Amino acid sequence: MERTTTRQTRTNKADFQTREDNGERRIEGYFAVFGSNYDMWPGASESIDPHAFDEALGDDVRVLIDHDTRLVLGRTSAGTAELRVDEHGLWGSVLINPDDTDAMNAYARNKRGDVNQASFGFDILDEDTEYREDGSVHWTVKKVKLYEVSLCTFPAYRETELQARKADYANLRKRHTEAWKAEQLAKLKSHERT
């Protein structure tokens, strides 16, 4: 199913590492993990396909703190951030600017373990929807437009994203029910003719 939506975020626990080599400080780790379910609400989940970022890594992606566009730690187009995909997920490394107090504070907080969440901001360009026998629904995000990745304090979906997903779910359920009713009506009419 091809679609576009408003910018969304997904957050997960991350094991970021701080590293210092030749006077340069870096924060490195996974901003997204493949094969993990993001639970949106009871009965609704989402996962990221291993190829979801394949066409997104050439874009100009920023590394932020808590999705705040005023707190930029690095940027791929500036060469101060690197992103790549491996079998585990979307990995990133950001070079910390020693002249930026916010960046140095983020480095120190991450080093102490005070900030250990990762997130990414994106638009969904393609996804699959699976209705499971237990009544739950699962989305697999297959292709994204990636805007930013963030070090985060709290893992949470924004309420607007949940509302958008719930509206998607309600529309899909309605179409599914209408298709089932039409199929049953067609069977009934076919049976009446015989």
Protein backbone atom coordinates (compact mmCIF):
# COMPACT_ATOMS: atom_id res chain seq x y z
CA MET A 1 0.00 0.00 0.00
CA GLU A 2 1.54 3.32 -1.06
CA ARG A 3 0.83 6.31 1.15
CA THR A 4 2.11 9.57 2.55
CA THR A 5 1.44 10.91 6.02
CA THR A 6 2.50 13.63 8.34
CA ARG A 7 5.95 13.29 9.83
CA GLN A 8 6.06 10.59 12.47
CA THR A 9 8.54 9.36 15.05
CA ARG A 10 9.33 5.99 16.59
CA THR A 11 11.38 5.55 19.74
CA ASN A 12 13.23 2.55 21.13
CA LYS A 13 15.73 1.77 23.88
CA ALA A 14 19.21 2.04 22.48
CA ASP A 15 22.67 1.05 23.59
CA PHE A 16 24.60 4.11 22.48
CA GLN A 17 28.31 4.21 23.04
CA THR A 18 30.40 7.28 23.61
CA ARG A 19 33.86 7.17 22.14
CA GLU A 20 36.85 9.48 22.18
CA ASP A 21 39.66 9.12 19.63
CA ASN A 22 42.40 11.70 18.99
CA GLY A 23 40.43 14.37 20.83
CA GLU A 24 37.21 13.74 18.85
CA ARG A 25 34.10 12.68 20.72
CA ARG A 26 31.37 10.58 19.12
CA ILE A 27 28.05 9.07 20.09
CA GLU A 28 27.23 5.88 18.18
CA GLY A 29 24.42 3.37 18.17
CA TYR A 30 21.19 2.15 16.60
CA PHE A 31 18.36 4.59 15.94
CA ALA A 32 16.05 1.85 14.66
CA VAL A 33 16.10 -1.93 15.09
CA PHE A 34 14.69 -4.37 12.57
CA GLY A 35 12.50 -7.24 13.75
CA SER A 36 11.27 -5.37 16.84
CA ASN A 37 7.64 -4.53 17.40
CA TYR A 38 6.65 -1.02 18.35
CA ASP A 39 3.46 -1.41 20.40
CA MET A 40 1.17 1.48 19.55
CA TRP A 41 -1.85 0.52 21.67
CA PRO A 42 -3.29 -2.84 22.75
CA GLY A 43 -3.92 -4.85 19.60
CA ALA A 44 -1.89 -2.59 17.28
CA SER A 45 1.79 -2.86 16.51
CA GLU A 46 4.32 -1.87 13.91
CA SER A 47 7.72 -3.04 12.73
CA ILE A 48 10.34 -1.68 10.37
CA ASP A 49 11.28 -3.70 7.29
CA PRO A 50 15.05 -4.20 6.84
CA HIS A 51 14.84 -2.33 3.52
CA ALA A 52 12.78 0.64 4.75
CA PHE A 53 15.80 2.97 4.81
CA ASP A 54 17.44 1.76 1.58
CA GLU A 55 16.51 4.86 -0.42
CA ALA A 56 16.60 7.30 2.51
CA LEU A 57 20.28 7.31 3.43
CA GLY A 58 21.27 9.64 0.61
CA ASP A 59 19.05 12.39 2.03
CA ASP A 60 20.29 15.23 4.24
CA VAL A 61 19.49 13.77 7.69
CA ARG A 62 20.04 15.60 10.97
CA VAL A 63 20.94 14.16 14.37
CA LEU A 64 18.88 15.97 17.02
CA ILE A 65 18.22 15.94 20.74
CA ASP A 66 14.59 15.02 21.54
CA HIS A 67 13.48 15.94 17.97
CA ASP A 68 14.19 19.60 18.74
CA THR A 69 15.35 21.28 15.52
CA ARG A 70 17.22 23.89 17.57
CA LEU A 71 19.43 21.18 19.07
CA VAL A 72 21.34 19.80 16.09
CA LEU A 73 24.23 17.50 17.01
CA GLY A 74 25.27 16.71 13.44
CA ARG A 75 24.16 16.44 9.84
CA THR A 76 24.95 13.94 7.12
CA SER A 77 25.44 16.62 4.44
CA ALA A 78 28.00 18.37 6.67
CA GLY A 79 29.91 15.14 7.24
CA THR A 80 29.37 15.41 11.00
CA ALA A 81 26.95 12.46 11.06
CA GLU A 82 27.03 9.06 9.40
CA LEU A 83 24.13 6.63 8.95
CA ARG A 84 24.17 3.10 7.60
CA VAL A 85 21.99 0.01 7.58
CA ASP A 86 23.12 -3.46 8.60
CA GLU A 87 21.26 -6.66 9.49
CA HIS A 88 20.41 -5.28 12.95
CA GLY A 89 19.03 -1.85 12.06
CA LEU A 90 19.78 1.78 11.30
CA TRP A 91 23.13 2.62 12.87
CA GLY A 92 24.46 6.13 13.29
CA SER A 93 27.49 8.03 14.51
CA VAL A 94 27.65 11.73 15.28
CA LEU A 95 30.79 13.81 15.79
CA ILE A 96 30.33 16.01 18.87
CA ASN A 97 31.20 19.69 18.47
CA PRO A 98 33.36 20.67 21.49
CA ASP A 99 32.33 24.32 21.04
CA ASP A 100 28.61 23.46 21.40
CA THR A 101 27.48 23.31 25.03
CA ASP A 102 24.31 21.37 24.15
CA ALA A 103 26.34 18.77 22.24
CA MET A 104 28.85 18.38 25.08
CA ASN A 105 25.98 18.04 27.57
CA ALA A 106 24.33 15.38 25.36
CA TYR A 107 27.64 13.51 25.21
CA ALA A 108 28.04 13.63 29.01
CA ARG A 109 24.42 12.55 29.63
CA ASN A 110 24.75 9.69 27.20
CA LYS A 111 28.08 8.59 28.69
CA ARG A 112 26.51 8.42 32.17
CA GLY A 113 23.50 6.51 30.83
CA ASP A 114 21.01 9.27 31.64
CA VAL A 115 19.82 9.45 28.02
CA ASN A 116 19.45 6.02 26.44
CA GLN A 117 16.57 6.23 23.97
CA ALA A 118 16.82 6.55 20.21
CA SER A 119 14.25 7.77 17.74
CA PHE A 120 13.81 8.71 14.12
CA GLY A 121 11.52 11.17 12.34
CA PHE A 122 10.09 10.10 8.98
CA ASP A 123 7.21 9.90 6.55
CA ILE A 124 5.81 6.51 5.59
CA LEU A 125 6.03 6.02 1.82
CA ASP A 126 5.05 2.35 1.67
CA GLU A 127 3.75 -0.19 4.19
CA ASP A 128 1.86 -3.47 4.54
CA THR A 129 -1.10 -4.01 6.86
CA GLU A 130 -1.76 -7.41 8.42
CA TYR A 131 -4.99 -8.33 10.19
CA ARG A 132 -4.26 -11.16 12.56
CA GLU A 133 -6.62 -13.91 13.66
CA ASP A 134 -6.60 -12.62 17.24
CA GLY A 135 -8.15 -9.34 16.03
CA SER A 136 -4.96 -7.32 16.24
CA VAL A 137 -3.43 -5.32 13.41
CA HIS A 138 0.24 -5.03 12.49
CA TRP A 139 1.85 -2.58 10.10
CA THR A 140 5.20 -3.25 8.47
CA VAL A 141 6.82 -0.01 7.32
CA LYS A 142 8.55 -0.83 4.03
CA LYS A 143 9.83 2.54 2.79
CA VAL A 144 10.39 5.89 4.50
CA LYS A 145 11.49 9.44 3.85
CA LEU A 146 13.96 10.01 6.71
CA TYR A 147 14.31 13.54 8.12
CA GLU A 148 16.13 13.10 11.39
CA VAL A 149 17.35 10.76 14.08
CA SER A 150 17.37 11.76 17.74
CA LEU A 151 18.81 10.94 21.10
CA CYS A 152 15.75 10.93 23.37
CA THR A 153 14.93 11.15 27.05
CA PHE A 154 11.50 9.46 26.95
CA PRO A 155 10.18 6.77 24.59
CA ALA A 156 6.70 7.72 23.46
CA TYR A 157 4.49 8.15 20.47
CA ARG A 158 3.14 11.60 19.99
CA GLU A 159 -0.63 11.74 20.47
CA THR A 160 -1.14 13.06 16.94
CA GLU A 161 0.67 10.02 15.51
CA LEU A 162 -1.48 7.63 17.52
CA GLN A 163 -4.61 9.43 16.39
CA ALA A 164 -3.47 9.24 12.76
CA ARG A 165 -2.73 5.51 13.09
CA LYS A 166 -6.09 4.93 14.81
CA ALA A 167 -7.87 6.77 11.99
CA ASP A 168 -5.97 4.63 9.44
CA TYR A 169 -7.02 1.53 11.36
CA ALA A 170 -10.67 2.61 11.56
CA ASN A 171 -10.77 3.32 7.80
CA LEU A 172 -9.12 0.02 6.96
CA ARG A 173 -11.52 -1.90 9.23
CA LYS A 174 -14.48 -0.12 7.67
CA ARG A 175 -13.30 -1.00 4.14
CA HIS A 176 -12.60 -4.57 5.23
CA THR A 177 -16.10 -4.88 6.72
CA GLU A 178 -17.74 -3.33 3.64
CA ALA A 179 -15.85 -5.75 1.36
CA TRP A 180 -16.94 -8.69 3.52
CA LYS A 181 -20.58 -7.52 3.44
CA ALA A 182 -20.46 -7.13 -0.37
CA GLU A 183 -18.99 -10.61 -0.71
CA GLN A 184 -21.68 -12.11 1.53
CA LEU A 185 -24.43 -10.27 -0.36
CA ALA A 186 -23.06 -11.54 -3.68
CA LYS A 187 -23.03 -15.09 -2.32
CA LEU A 188 -26.60 -14.70 -1.08
CA LYS A 189 -27.80 -13.37 -4.45
CA SER A 190 -25.97 -16.18 -6.26
CA HIS A 191 -27.60 -18.73 -3.97
CA GLU A 192 -31.08 -17.21 -4.51
CA ARG A 193 -30.71 -17.55 -8.30
CA THR A 194 -30.00 -21.26 -8.11
